[in-house]
PDB file of all heavy atoms in Angstrom:
ATOM      1  N   ARG A   1       0.853  -1.194   0.000  1.00  0.00           N
ATOM      2  CA  ARG A   1       0.000   0.000   0.000  1.00  0.00           C
ATOM      3  C   ARG A   1       0.888   1.242   0.000  1.00  0.00           C
ATOM      4  O   ARG A   1       1.659   1.476   0.916  1.00  0.00           O
ATOM      5  CB  ARG A   1      -0.916  -0.023   1.225  1.00  0.00           C
ATOM      6  CG  ARG A   1      -2.050   0.942   1.172  1.00  0.00           C
ATOM      7  CD  ARG A   1      -3.015   0.817   2.364  1.00  0.00           C
ATOM      8  NE  ARG A   1      -2.450   0.283   3.590  1.00  0.00           N
ATOM      9  CZ  ARG A   1      -2.689  -0.956   4.059  1.00  0.00           C
ATOM     10  NH1 ARG A   1      -3.462  -1.782   3.397  1.00  0.00           N
ATOM     11  NH2 ARG A   1      -2.143  -1.353   5.186  1.00  0.00           N
ATOM     12  N   GLY A   2       0.827   1.994  -1.063  1.00  0.00           N
ATOM     13  CA  GLY A   2       1.626   3.202  -1.182  1.00  0.00           C
ATOM     14  C   GLY A   2       3.052   2.982  -1.647  1.00  0.00           C
ATOM     15  O   GLY A   2       3.790   3.943  -1.846  1.00  0.00           O
ATOM     16  N   ALA A   3       3.459   1.730  -1.823  1.00  0.00           N
ATOM     17  CA  ALA A   3       4.823   1.447  -2.282  1.00  0.00           C
ATOM     18  C   ALA A   3       4.920   1.745  -3.780  1.00  0.00           C
ATOM     19  O   ALA A   3       3.943   1.628  -4.509  1.00  0.00           O
ATOM     20  CB  ALA A   3       5.177  -0.017  -2.021  1.00  0.00           C
ATOM     21  N   PRO A   4       6.105   2.109  -4.246  1.00  0.00           N
ATOM     22  CA  PRO A   4       6.281   2.405  -5.670  1.00  0.00           C
ATOM     23  C   PRO A   4       6.417   1.134  -6.518  1.00  0.00           C
ATOM     24  O   PRO A   4       7.424   0.911  -7.181  1.00  0.00           O
ATOM     25  CB  PRO A   4       7.554   3.245  -5.688  1.00  0.00           C
ATOM     26  CG  PRO A   4       8.343   2.723  -4.537  1.00  0.00           C
ATOM     27  CD  PRO A   4       7.323   2.364  -3.482  1.00  0.00           C
ATOM     28  N   VAL A   5       5.395   0.285  -6.448  1.00  0.00           N
ATOM     29  CA  VAL A   5       5.361  -0.967  -7.202  1.00  0.00           C
ATOM     30  C   VAL A   5       4.091  -0.959  -8.038  1.00  0.00           C
ATOM     31  O   VAL A   5       3.008  -0.732  -7.504  1.00  0.00           O
ATOM     32  CB  VAL A   5       5.345  -2.200  -6.272  1.00  0.00           C
ATOM     33  CG1 VAL A   5       5.243  -3.482  -7.070  1.00  0.00           C
ATOM     34  CG2 VAL A   5       6.555  -2.215  -5.368  1.00  0.00           C
ATOM     35  N   ALA A   6       4.225  -1.224  -9.316  1.00  0.00           N
ATOM     36  CA  ALA A   6       3.066  -1.287 -10.203  1.00  0.00           C
ATOM     37  C   ALA A   6       2.731  -2.754 -10.474  1.00  0.00           C
ATOM     38  O   ALA A   6       3.543  -3.473 -11.038  1.00  0.00           O
ATOM     39  CB  ALA A   6       3.357  -0.564 -11.504  1.00  0.00           C
ATOM     40  N   LEU A   7       1.543  -3.187 -10.033  1.00  0.00           N
ATOM     41  CA  LEU A   7       1.042  -4.518 -10.350  1.00  0.00           C
ATOM     42  C   LEU A   7       0.165  -4.366 -11.577  1.00  0.00           C
ATOM     43  O   LEU A   7      -0.830  -3.632 -11.541  1.00  0.00           O
ATOM     44  CB  LEU A   7       0.232  -5.085  -9.189  1.00  0.00           C
ATOM     45  CG  LEU A   7       1.037  -5.636  -8.019  1.00  0.00           C
ATOM     46  CD1 LEU A   7       1.531  -4.521  -7.137  1.00  0.00           C
ATOM     47  CD2 LEU A   7       0.208  -6.606  -7.237  1.00  0.00           C
ATOM     48  N   ILE A   8       0.527  -5.057 -12.663  1.00  0.00           N
ATOM     49  CA  ILE A   8      -0.101  -4.800 -13.958  1.00  0.00           C
ATOM     50  C   ILE A   8      -0.633  -6.080 -14.586  1.00  0.00           C
ATOM     51  O   ILE A   8       0.058  -7.095 -14.633  1.00  0.00           O
ATOM     52  CB  ILE A   8       0.912  -4.157 -14.926  1.00  0.00           C
ATOM     53  CG1 ILE A   8       1.494  -2.877 -14.327  1.00  0.00           C
ATOM     54  CG2 ILE A   8       0.263  -3.877 -16.276  1.00  0.00           C
ATOM     55  CD1 ILE A   8       2.647  -2.300 -15.106  1.00  0.00           C
ATOM     56  N   GLY A   9      -1.841  -5.983 -15.101  1.00  0.00           N
ATOM     57  CA  GLY A   9      -2.446  -7.069 -15.852  1.00  0.00           C
ATOM     58  C   GLY A   9      -3.876  -6.716 -16.199  1.00  0.00           C
ATOM     59  O   GLY A   9      -4.353  -5.621 -15.891  1.00  0.00           O
ATOM     60  N   HIS A  10      -4.551  -7.635 -16.844  1.00  0.00           N
ATOM     61  CA  HIS A  10      -5.974  -7.465 -17.148  1.00  0.00           C
ATOM     62  C   HIS A  10      -6.588  -8.857 -17.322  1.00  0.00           C
ATOM     63  O   HIS A  10      -5.964  -9.851 -16.969  1.00  0.00           O
ATOM     64  CB  HIS A  10      -6.182  -6.578 -18.390  1.00  0.00           C
ATOM     65  CG  HIS A  10      -5.681  -7.147 -19.672  1.00  0.00           C
ATOM     66  ND1 HIS A  10      -4.388  -6.975 -20.103  1.00  0.00           N
ATOM     67  CD2 HIS A  10      -6.287  -7.903 -20.611  1.00  0.00           C
ATOM     68  CE1 HIS A  10      -4.227  -7.576 -21.262  1.00  0.00           C
ATOM     69  NE2 HIS A  10      -5.362  -8.157 -21.591  1.00  0.00           N
ATOM     70  N   SER A  11      -7.776  -8.916 -17.824  1.00  0.00           N
ATOM     71  CA  SER A  11      -8.475 -10.178 -18.035  1.00  0.00           C
ATOM     72  C   SER A  11      -8.720 -10.841 -16.680  1.00  0.00           C
ATOM     73  O   SER A  11      -9.248 -10.219 -15.767  1.00  0.00           O
ATOM     74  CB  SER A  11      -7.675 -11.065 -18.995  1.00  0.00           C
ATOM     75  OG  SER A  11      -8.334 -12.286 -19.258  1.00  0.00           O
ATOM     76  N   ASP A  12      -8.301 -12.070 -16.510  1.00  0.00           N
ATOM     77  CA  ASP A  12      -8.518 -12.811 -15.273  1.00  0.00           C
ATOM     78  C   ASP A  12      -7.821 -12.161 -14.072  1.00  0.00           C
ATOM     79  O   ASP A  12      -8.231 -12.348 -12.934  1.00  0.00           O
ATOM     80  CB  ASP A  12      -8.013 -14.246 -15.463  1.00  0.00           C
ATOM     81  CG  ASP A  12      -8.497 -15.195 -14.402  1.00  0.00           C
ATOM     82  OD1 ASP A  12      -9.678 -15.099 -14.017  1.00  0.00           O
ATOM     83  OD2 ASP A  12      -7.708 -16.037 -13.960  1.00  0.00           O
ATOM     84  N   PHE A  13      -6.806 -11.386 -14.324  1.00  0.00           N
ATOM     85  CA  PHE A  13      -6.079 -10.673 -13.270  1.00  0.00           C
ATOM     86  C   PHE A  13      -6.987  -9.691 -12.534  1.00  0.00           C
ATOM     87  O   PHE A  13      -6.712  -9.306 -11.404  1.00  0.00           O
ATOM     88  CB  PHE A  13      -4.876  -9.951 -13.888  1.00  0.00           C
ATOM     89  CG  PHE A  13      -3.912  -9.366 -12.891  1.00  0.00           C
ATOM     90  CD1 PHE A  13      -3.175 -10.182 -12.063  1.00  0.00           C
ATOM     91  CD2 PHE A  13      -3.741  -8.002 -12.800  1.00  0.00           C
ATOM     92  CE1 PHE A  13      -2.276  -9.651 -11.150  1.00  0.00           C
ATOM     93  CE2 PHE A  13      -2.846  -7.456 -11.891  1.00  0.00           C
ATOM     94  CZ  PHE A  13      -2.112  -8.289 -11.067  1.00  0.00           C
ATOM     95  N   THR A  14      -8.086  -9.309 -13.158  1.00  0.00           N
ATOM     96  CA  THR A  14      -9.018  -8.355 -12.558  1.00  0.00           C
ATOM     97  C   THR A  14      -9.554  -8.857 -11.218  1.00  0.00           C
ATOM     98  O   THR A  14      -9.746  -8.065 -10.288  1.00  0.00           O
ATOM     99  CB  THR A  14     -10.180  -8.052 -13.524  1.00  0.00           C
ATOM    100  OG1 THR A  14      -9.634  -7.616 -14.766  1.00  0.00           O
ATOM    101  CG2 THR A  14     -11.106  -6.991 -12.974  1.00  0.00           C
ATOM    102  N   ALA A  15      -9.781 -10.143 -11.077  1.00  0.00           N
ATOM    103  CA  ALA A  15     -10.250 -10.691  -9.798  1.00  0.00           C
ATOM    104  C   ALA A  15      -9.240 -10.391  -8.694  1.00  0.00           C
ATOM    105  O   ALA A  15      -9.609  -9.996  -7.581  1.00  0.00           O
ATOM    106  CB  ALA A  15     -10.473 -12.192  -9.918  1.00  0.00           C
ATOM    107  N   LEU A  16      -7.961 -10.560  -8.992  1.00  0.00           N
ATOM    108  CA  LEU A  16      -6.913 -10.272  -8.014  1.00  0.00           C
ATOM    109  C   LEU A  16      -6.834  -8.777  -7.722  1.00  0.00           C
ATOM    110  O   LEU A  16      -6.667  -8.372  -6.568  1.00  0.00           O
ATOM    111  CB  LEU A  16      -5.561 -10.788  -8.513  1.00  0.00           C
ATOM    112  CG  LEU A  16      -5.468 -12.291  -8.688  1.00  0.00           C
ATOM    113  CD1 LEU A  16      -4.183 -12.667  -9.405  1.00  0.00           C
ATOM    114  CD2 LEU A  16      -5.563 -12.994  -7.354  1.00  0.00           C
ATOM    115  N   GLN A  17      -6.958  -7.966  -8.760  1.00  0.00           N
ATOM    116  CA  GLN A  17      -6.897  -6.521  -8.574  1.00  0.00           C
ATOM    117  C   GLN A  17      -8.003  -6.052  -7.632  1.00  0.00           C
ATOM    118  O   GLN A  17      -7.747  -5.259  -6.720  1.00  0.00           O
ATOM    119  CB  GLN A  17      -7.021  -5.809  -9.922  1.00  0.00           C
ATOM    120  CG  GLN A  17      -5.822  -6.023 -10.813  1.00  0.00           C
ATOM    121  CD  GLN A  17      -6.025  -5.432 -12.181  1.00  0.00           C
ATOM    122  OE1 GLN A  17      -6.893  -5.852 -12.932  1.00  0.00           O
ATOM    123  NE2 GLN A  17      -5.219  -4.431 -12.503  1.00  0.00           N
ATOM    124  N   CYS A  18      -9.202  -6.532  -7.856  1.00  0.00           N
ATOM    125  CA  CYS A  18     -10.335  -6.119  -7.012  1.00  0.00           C
ATOM    126  C   CYS A  18     -10.140  -6.574  -5.569  1.00  0.00           C
ATOM    127  O   CYS A  18     -10.378  -5.805  -4.635  1.00  0.00           O
ATOM    128  CB  CYS A  18     -11.640  -6.665  -7.581  1.00  0.00           C
ATOM    129  SG  CYS A  18     -12.132  -5.908  -9.143  1.00  0.00           S
ATOM    130  N   ALA A  19      -9.686  -7.803  -5.384  1.00  0.00           N
ATOM    131  CA  ALA A  19      -9.476  -8.319  -4.028  1.00  0.00           C
ATOM    132  C   ALA A  19      -8.335  -7.597  -3.327  1.00  0.00           C
ATOM    133  O   ALA A  19      -8.443  -7.266  -2.135  1.00  0.00           O
ATOM    134  CB  ALA A  19      -9.194  -9.822  -4.084  1.00  0.00           C
ATOM    135  N   LEU A  20      -7.244  -7.328  -4.039  1.00  0.00           N
ATOM    136  CA  LEU A  20      -6.119  -6.626  -3.423  1.00  0.00           C
ATOM    137  C   LEU A  20      -6.508  -5.219  -2.991  1.00  0.00           C
ATOM    138  O   LEU A  20      -6.080  -4.743  -1.934  1.00  0.00           O
ATOM    139  CB  LEU A  20      -4.921  -6.582  -4.382  1.00  0.00           C
ATOM    140  CG  LEU A  20      -4.220  -7.917  -4.613  1.00  0.00           C
ATOM    141  CD1 LEU A  20      -3.242  -7.822  -5.774  1.00  0.00           C
ATOM    142  CD2 LEU A  20      -3.522  -8.390  -3.342  1.00  0.00           C
ATOM    143  N   PHE A  21      -7.347  -4.573  -3.767  1.00  0.00           N
ATOM    144  CA  PHE A  21      -7.801  -3.239  -3.381  1.00  0.00           C
ATOM    145  C   PHE A  21      -8.798  -3.315  -2.221  1.00  0.00           C
ATOM    146  O   PHE A  21      -8.660  -2.591  -1.232  1.00  0.00           O
ATOM    147  CB  PHE A  21      -8.430  -2.507  -4.563  1.00  0.00           C
ATOM    148  CG  PHE A  21      -8.854  -1.112  -4.207  1.00  0.00           C
ATOM    149  CD1 PHE A  21      -7.906  -0.121  -3.994  1.00  0.00           C
ATOM    150  CD2 PHE A  21     -10.196  -0.791  -4.057  1.00  0.00           C
ATOM    151  CE1 PHE A  21      -8.282   1.159  -3.648  1.00  0.00           C
ATOM    152  CE2 PHE A  21     -10.582   0.489  -3.708  1.00  0.00           C
ATOM    153  CZ  PHE A  21      -9.627   1.467  -3.501  1.00  0.00           C
ATOM    154  N   ALA A  22      -9.771  -4.198  -2.325  1.00  0.00           N
ATOM    155  CA  ALA A  22     -10.810  -4.299  -1.290  1.00  0.00           C
ATOM    156  C   ALA A  22     -10.256  -4.772   0.048  1.00  0.00           C
ATOM    157  O   ALA A  22     -10.642  -4.257   1.095  1.00  0.00           O
ATOM    158  CB  ALA A  22     -11.920  -5.242  -1.755  1.00  0.00           C
ATOM    159  N   ARG A  23      -9.353  -5.734   0.030  1.00  0.00           N
ATOM    160  CA  ARG A  23      -8.869  -6.326   1.278  1.00  0.00           C
ATOM    161  C   ARG A  23      -7.548  -5.760   1.762  1.00  0.00           C
ATOM    162  O   ARG A  23      -7.214  -5.888   2.936  1.00  0.00           O
ATOM    163  CB  ARG A  23      -8.713  -7.843   1.099  1.00  0.00           C
ATOM    164  CG  ARG A  23      -9.949  -8.588   0.651  1.00  0.00           C
ATOM    165  CD  ARG A  23     -10.809  -9.133   1.762  1.00  0.00           C
ATOM    166  NE  ARG A  23     -10.123  -9.800   2.820  1.00  0.00           N
ATOM    167  CZ  ARG A  23      -9.908 -11.103   2.909  1.00  0.00           C
ATOM    168  NH1 ARG A  23     -10.308 -11.901   1.938  1.00  0.00           N
ATOM    169  NH2 ARG A  23      -9.296 -11.615   3.949  1.00  0.00           N
ATOM    170  N   GLY A  24      -6.760  -5.142   0.843  1.00  0.00           N
ATOM    171  CA  GLY A  24      -5.446  -4.652   1.243  1.00  0.00           C
ATOM    172  C   GLY A  24      -5.196  -3.189   0.931  1.00  0.00           C
ATOM    173  O   GLY A  24      -4.143  -2.657   1.268  1.00  0.00           O
ATOM    174  N   GLY A  25      -6.153  -2.528   0.262  1.00  0.00           N
ATOM    175  CA  GLY A  25      -5.964  -1.128  -0.097  1.00  0.00           C
ATOM    176  C   GLY A  25      -4.864  -0.913  -1.121  1.00  0.00           C
ATOM    177  O   GLY A  25      -4.290   0.167  -1.214  1.00  0.00           O
ATOM    178  N   ILE A  26      -4.584  -1.934  -1.925  1.00  0.00           N
ATOM    179  CA  ILE A  26      -3.488  -1.885  -2.886  1.00  0.00           C
ATOM    180  C   ILE A  26      -4.029  -1.442  -4.246  1.00  0.00           C
ATOM    181  O   ILE A  26      -4.932  -2.066  -4.795  1.00  0.00           O
ATOM    182  CB  ILE A  26      -2.814  -3.260  -3.017  1.00  0.00           C
ATOM    183  CG1 ILE A  26      -2.275  -3.701  -1.648  1.00  0.00           C
ATOM    184  CG2 ILE A  26      -1.708  -3.229  -4.069  1.00  0.00           C
ATOM    185  CD1 ILE A  26      -1.927  -5.165  -1.574  1.00  0.00           C
ATOM    186  N   VAL A  27      -3.454  -0.388  -4.773  1.00  0.00           N
ATOM    187  CA  VAL A  27      -3.832   0.112  -6.083  1.00  0.00           C
ATOM    188  C   VAL A  27      -3.007  -0.620  -7.137  1.00  0.00           C
ATOM    189  O   VAL A  27      -1.792  -0.755  -7.001  1.00  0.00           O
ATOM    190  CB  VAL A  27      -3.598   1.639  -6.176  1.00  0.00           C
ATOM    191  CG1 VAL A  27      -3.882   2.153  -7.576  1.00  0.00           C
ATOM    192  CG2 VAL A  27      -4.472   2.362  -5.151  1.00  0.00           C
ATOM    193  N   THR A  28      -3.677  -1.101  -8.168  1.00  0.00           N
ATOM    194  CA  THR A  28      -3.016  -1.823  -9.255  1.00  0.00           C
ATOM    195  C   THR A  28      -3.344  -1.139 -10.585  1.00  0.00           C
ATOM    196  O   THR A  28      -4.116  -0.180 -10.615  1.00  0.00           O
ATOM    197  CB  THR A  28      -3.496  -3.287  -9.305  1.00  0.00           C
ATOM    198  OG1 THR A  28      -4.905  -3.297  -9.563  1.00  0.00           O
ATOM    199  CG2 THR A  28      -3.201  -4.008  -7.994  1.00  0.00           C
ATOM    200  N   TYR A  29      -2.764  -1.633 -11.659  1.00  0.00           N
ATOM    201  CA  TYR A  29      -2.985  -1.063 -12.985  1.00  0.00           C
ATOM    202  C   TYR A  29      -3.608  -2.105 -13.910  1.00  0.00           C
ATOM    203  O   TYR A  29      -3.111  -3.231 -13.993  1.00  0.00           O
ATOM    204  CB  TYR A  29      -1.660  -0.629 -13.617  1.00  0.00           C
ATOM    205  CG  TYR A  29      -1.014   0.547 -12.952  1.00  0.00           C
ATOM    206  CD1 TYR A  29      -0.225   0.389 -11.822  1.00  0.00           C
ATOM    207  CD2 TYR A  29      -1.173   1.831 -13.466  1.00  0.00           C
ATOM    208  CE1 TYR A  29       0.376   1.470 -11.210  1.00  0.00           C
ATOM    209  CE2 TYR A  29      -0.574   2.915 -12.861  1.00  0.00           C
ATOM    210  CZ  TYR A  29       0.197   2.728 -11.734  1.00  0.00           C
ATOM    211  OH  TYR A  29       0.788   3.798 -11.135  1.00  0.00           O
ATOM    212  N   GLY A  30      -4.651  -1.708 -14.607  1.00  0.00           N
ATOM    213  CA  GLY A  30      -5.143  -2.505 -15.715  1.00  0.00           C
ATOM    214  C   GLY A  30      -4.263  -2.158 -16.901  1.00  0.00           C
ATOM    215  O   GLY A  30      -4.224  -1.002 -17.313  1.00  0.00           O
ATOM    216  N   GLY A  31      -3.521  -3.116 -17.397  1.00  0.00           N
ATOM    217  CA  GLY A  31      -2.592  -2.805 -18.471  1.00  0.00           C
ATOM    218  C   GLY A  31      -2.093  -4.044 -19.173  1.00  0.00           C
ATOM    219  O   GLY A  31      -2.591  -5.144 -18.946  1.00  0.00           O
ATOM    220  N   PRO A  32      -1.098  -3.871 -20.027  1.00  0.00           N
ATOM    221  CA  PRO A  32      -0.613  -4.969 -20.861  1.00  0.00           C
ATOM    222  C   PRO A  32       0.034  -6.083 -20.054  1.00  0.00           C
ATOM    223  O   PRO A  32       0.486  -5.885 -18.934  1.00  0.00           O
ATOM    224  CB  PRO A  32       0.410  -4.283 -21.770  1.00  0.00           C
ATOM    225  CG  PRO A  32       0.831  -3.074 -21.032  1.00  0.00           C
ATOM    226  CD  PRO A  32      -0.349  -2.640 -20.223  1.00  0.00           C
ATOM    227  N   MET A  33       0.050  -7.254 -20.668  1.00  0.00           N
ATOM    228  CA  MET A  33       0.659  -8.423 -20.048  1.00  0.00           C
ATOM    229  C   MET A  33       1.796  -8.942 -20.931  1.00  0.00           C
ATOM    230  O   MET A  33       1.922  -8.561 -22.093  1.00  0.00           O
ATOM    231  CB  MET A  33      -0.387  -9.502 -19.811  1.00  0.00           C
ATOM    232  CG  MET A  33      -1.412  -9.069 -18.766  1.00  0.00           C
ATOM    233  SD  MET A  33      -2.545 -10.369 -18.254  1.00  0.00           S
ATOM    234  CE  MET A  33      -3.618 -10.479 -19.665  1.00  0.00           C
ATOM    235  N   LEU A  34       2.589  -9.813 -20.354  1.00  0.00           N
ATOM    236  CA  LEU A  34       3.792 -10.287 -21.037  1.00  0.00           C
ATOM    237  C   LEU A  34       3.491 -10.937 -22.389  1.00  0.00           C
ATOM    238  O   LEU A  34       3.988 -10.488 -23.415  1.00  0.00           O
ATOM    239  CB  LEU A  34       4.551 -11.279 -20.146  1.00  0.00           C
ATOM    240  CG  LEU A  34       5.804 -11.876 -20.787  1.00  0.00           C
ATOM    241  CD1 LEU A  34       6.871 -10.806 -21.003  1.00  0.00           C
ATOM    242  CD2 LEU A  34       6.331 -13.024 -19.955  1.00  0.00           C
ATOM    243  N   GLY A  35       2.725 -11.995 -22.395  1.00  0.00           N
ATOM    244  CA  GLY A  35       2.530 -12.758 -23.623  1.00  0.00           C
ATOM    245  C   GLY A  35       1.640 -12.091 -24.650  1.00  0.00           C
ATOM    246  O   GLY A  35       2.076 -11.822 -25.774  1.00  0.00           O
ATOM    247  N   PRO A  36       0.393 -11.820 -24.297  1.00  0.00           N
ATOM    248  CA  PRO A  36      -0.523 -11.309 -25.316  1.00  0.00           C
ATOM    249  C   PRO A  36      -0.189  -9.907 -25.813  1.00  0.00           C
ATOM    250  O   PRO A  36      -0.546  -9.553 -26.934  1.00  0.00           O
ATOM    251  CB  PRO A  36      -1.884 -11.337 -24.637  1.00  0.00           C
ATOM    252  CG  PRO A  36      -1.618 -11.455 -23.189  1.00  0.00           C
ATOM    253  CD  PRO A  36      -0.269 -12.082 -23.033  1.00  0.00           C
TER     254      PRO A  36
END
C-alpha cells in the first residue's frame, strides 16, 4: 500500500486486482501483459 510498485495485468487478473484493493488497499494497474 503506497509502495512504488506497479502490479499490472488485465483479463482474469481483474479478480486479483479487485481483491487486493478491497482487502489490502493496494492500487493496481489494468494494463498490458507479457505474452498477449
